[in-house]
N, C-alpha and C. Protein backbone atom coordinates (compact mmCIF):
# COMPACT_ATOMS: atom_id res chain seq x y z
N MET A 1 161.66 136.65 98.11
CA MET A 1 160.10 137.72 98.46
C MET A 1 159.35 136.91 97.62
N THR A 2 158.69 137.01 98.41
CA THR A 2 156.84 136.24 97.11
C THR A 2 155.94 137.64 97.31
N GLU A 3 155.71 137.16 95.75
CA GLU A 3 154.65 138.60 95.53
C GLU A 3 153.76 139.50 96.55
N LEU A 4 153.06 138.52 97.51
CA LEU A 4 152.48 138.87 98.33
C LEU A 4 153.07 139.71 99.12
N LEU A 5 154.20 139.49 99.75
CA LEU A 5 155.18 139.84 100.84
C LEU A 5 155.19 141.69 99.74
N GLU A 6 155.70 141.28 98.76
CA GLU A 6 156.37 142.41 98.16
C GLU A 6 155.14 143.59 98.01
N GLN A 7 153.98 143.13 97.53
CA GLN A 7 152.72 144.44 97.50
C GLN A 7 152.28 144.95 99.05
N ALA A 8 152.59 144.03 99.90
CA ALA A 8 152.34 144.76 101.68
C ALA A 8 152.86 145.61 101.52
N ILE A 9 153.88 145.02 101.75
CA ILE A 9 155.60 145.99 102.03
C ILE A 9 155.58 147.31 100.90
N ALA A 10 155.00 147.44 99.95
CA ALA A 10 154.70 148.58 99.10
C ALA A 10 153.68 149.28 99.71
N GLN A 11 153.03 148.92 99.94
CA GLN A 11 151.39 149.95 100.83
C GLN A 11 152.00 149.92 102.14
N ILE A 12 152.50 149.46 102.53
CA ILE A 12 153.18 150.15 104.20
C ILE A 12 153.60 151.02 103.56
N LYS A 13 154.64 150.84 102.87
CA LYS A 13 156.04 152.43 102.64
C LYS A 13 155.20 153.41 102.54
N GLN A 14 153.75 153.71 101.87
CA GLN A 14 152.97 154.59 101.43
C GLN A 14 152.38 155.22 102.42
N LEU A 15 152.02 154.53 103.72
CA LEU A 15 151.62 155.11 105.07
C LEU A 15 152.95 155.83 105.36
N PRO A 16 152.02 156.97 106.29
CA PRO A 16 153.42 157.77 107.45
C PRO A 16 153.70 157.23 108.21
N GLU A 17 154.80 158.27 108.36
CA GLU A 17 156.29 157.41 109.52
C GLU A 17 155.96 156.22 110.68
N THR A 18 154.73 157.14 110.97
CA THR A 18 154.17 156.89 112.37
C THR A 18 153.54 155.42 112.51
N GLU A 19 153.06 155.66 111.40
CA GLU A 19 152.23 154.20 111.25
C GLU A 19 153.05 152.87 110.66
N GLN A 20 153.91 153.73 109.90
CA GLN A 20 155.06 152.39 109.60
C GLN A 20 155.39 151.72 110.82
N ASP A 21 155.78 153.03 111.92
CA ASP A 21 156.53 152.20 113.22
C ASP A 21 155.41 151.22 113.92
N ILE A 22 154.37 151.74 113.88
CA ILE A 22 153.62 150.69 114.48
C ILE A 22 153.23 149.57 114.08
N ILE A 23 153.04 149.53 113.00
CA ILE A 23 153.45 148.49 111.96
C ILE A 23 154.47 147.48 112.45
N ALA A 24 155.58 147.96 112.10
CA ALA A 24 156.80 147.36 112.43
C ALA A 24 156.71 146.85 113.97
N ARG A 25 156.46 147.29 115.04
CA ARG A 25 156.66 147.13 116.62
C ARG A 25 155.42 145.59 116.79
N LEU A 26 154.63 145.76 115.96
CA LEU A 26 152.82 144.39 116.10
C LEU A 26 154.17 143.31 115.41
N ILE A 27 154.82 143.59 114.08
CA ILE A 27 155.66 142.25 113.40
C ILE A 27 156.45 141.25 114.90
N LEU A 28 157.35 142.95 115.00
CA LEU A 28 158.63 142.42 116.11
C LEU A 28 158.25 141.52 117.21
N LYS A 29 157.11 142.37 117.88
CA LYS A 29 156.30 141.60 118.78
C LYS A 29 155.75 140.17 118.73
N ALA A 30 154.98 140.22 117.57
CA ALA A 30 155.19 138.49 117.16
C ALA A 30 156.15 137.86 117.03
N LEU A 31 156.72 138.49 116.11
CA LEU A 31 158.19 137.27 116.13
C LEU A 31 158.48 137.33 117.03
N GLU A 32 158.65 137.97 118.40
CA GLU A 32 159.37 138.26 119.81
C GLU A 32 158.10 137.19 120.62
N ASN A 33 157.11 136.90 120.53
CA ASN A 33 156.07 136.30 120.89
C ASN A 33 156.29 134.31 120.53
N ASN A 34 156.28 134.53 119.05
CA ASN A 34 156.82 133.28 118.62
C ASN A 34 157.96 132.28 119.17
N LEU A 35 159.29 133.30 119.20
CA LEU A 35 160.63 133.16 119.80
C LEU A 35 160.05 132.20 121.14
N VAL A 36 159.66 133.35 122.21
CA VAL A 36 159.48 132.76 123.60
C VAL A 36 158.48 131.56 123.49
N GLU A 37 157.35 131.05 122.59
CA GLU A 37 156.81 129.87 123.05
C GLU A 37 157.78 128.89 122.83
N GLU A 38 158.40 128.94 121.15
CA GLU A 38 158.98 127.88 121.11
C GLU A 38 160.80 127.45 121.73
N ASN A 39 160.65 128.73 122.42
CA ASN A 39 161.87 128.20 123.64
C ASN A 39 160.93 127.34 125.11
N LEU A 40 160.08 128.06 125.49
CA LEU A 40 159.03 127.12 126.31
C LEU A 40 158.93 125.63 125.86
N SER A 41 158.45 125.70 124.59
CA SER A 41 158.09 124.32 124.26
C SER A 41 159.16 123.42 124.38
N ILE A 42 160.66 123.99 124.26
CA ILE A 42 162.03 123.06 124.15
C ILE A 42 162.03 122.69 125.68
N ILE A 43 161.85 123.69 126.38
CA ILE A 43 161.94 123.60 127.91
C ILE A 43 161.53 122.77 128.73
N ASP A 44 159.77 122.93 128.09
CA ASP A 44 158.72 121.86 128.85
C ASP A 44 159.44 120.36 128.20
N GLU A 45 159.64 120.27 127.18
CA GLU A 45 160.23 118.85 126.51
C GLU A 45 161.02 118.13 127.18
N SER A 46 162.51 119.26 127.28
CA SER A 46 163.14 118.55 127.91
C SER A 46 163.21 118.67 129.79
N ASP A 47 162.23 119.58 130.60
CA ASP A 47 161.81 118.21 131.95
C ASP A 47 160.77 117.43 132.25
N THR A 48 160.55 116.89 130.65
CA THR A 48 159.49 115.94 130.51
C THR A 48 160.67 114.37 130.81
């Protein structure tokens, strides 16, 4: 892990559990959106 990521994780661990859950959901949603966009672009490319 990069030092910056390790620092971010350390700061997040200091937050209340409810806020940690919110951050985790935001990260997962962002990752999900990236996967969906990648799949859509692959589909779009195969249709052309």
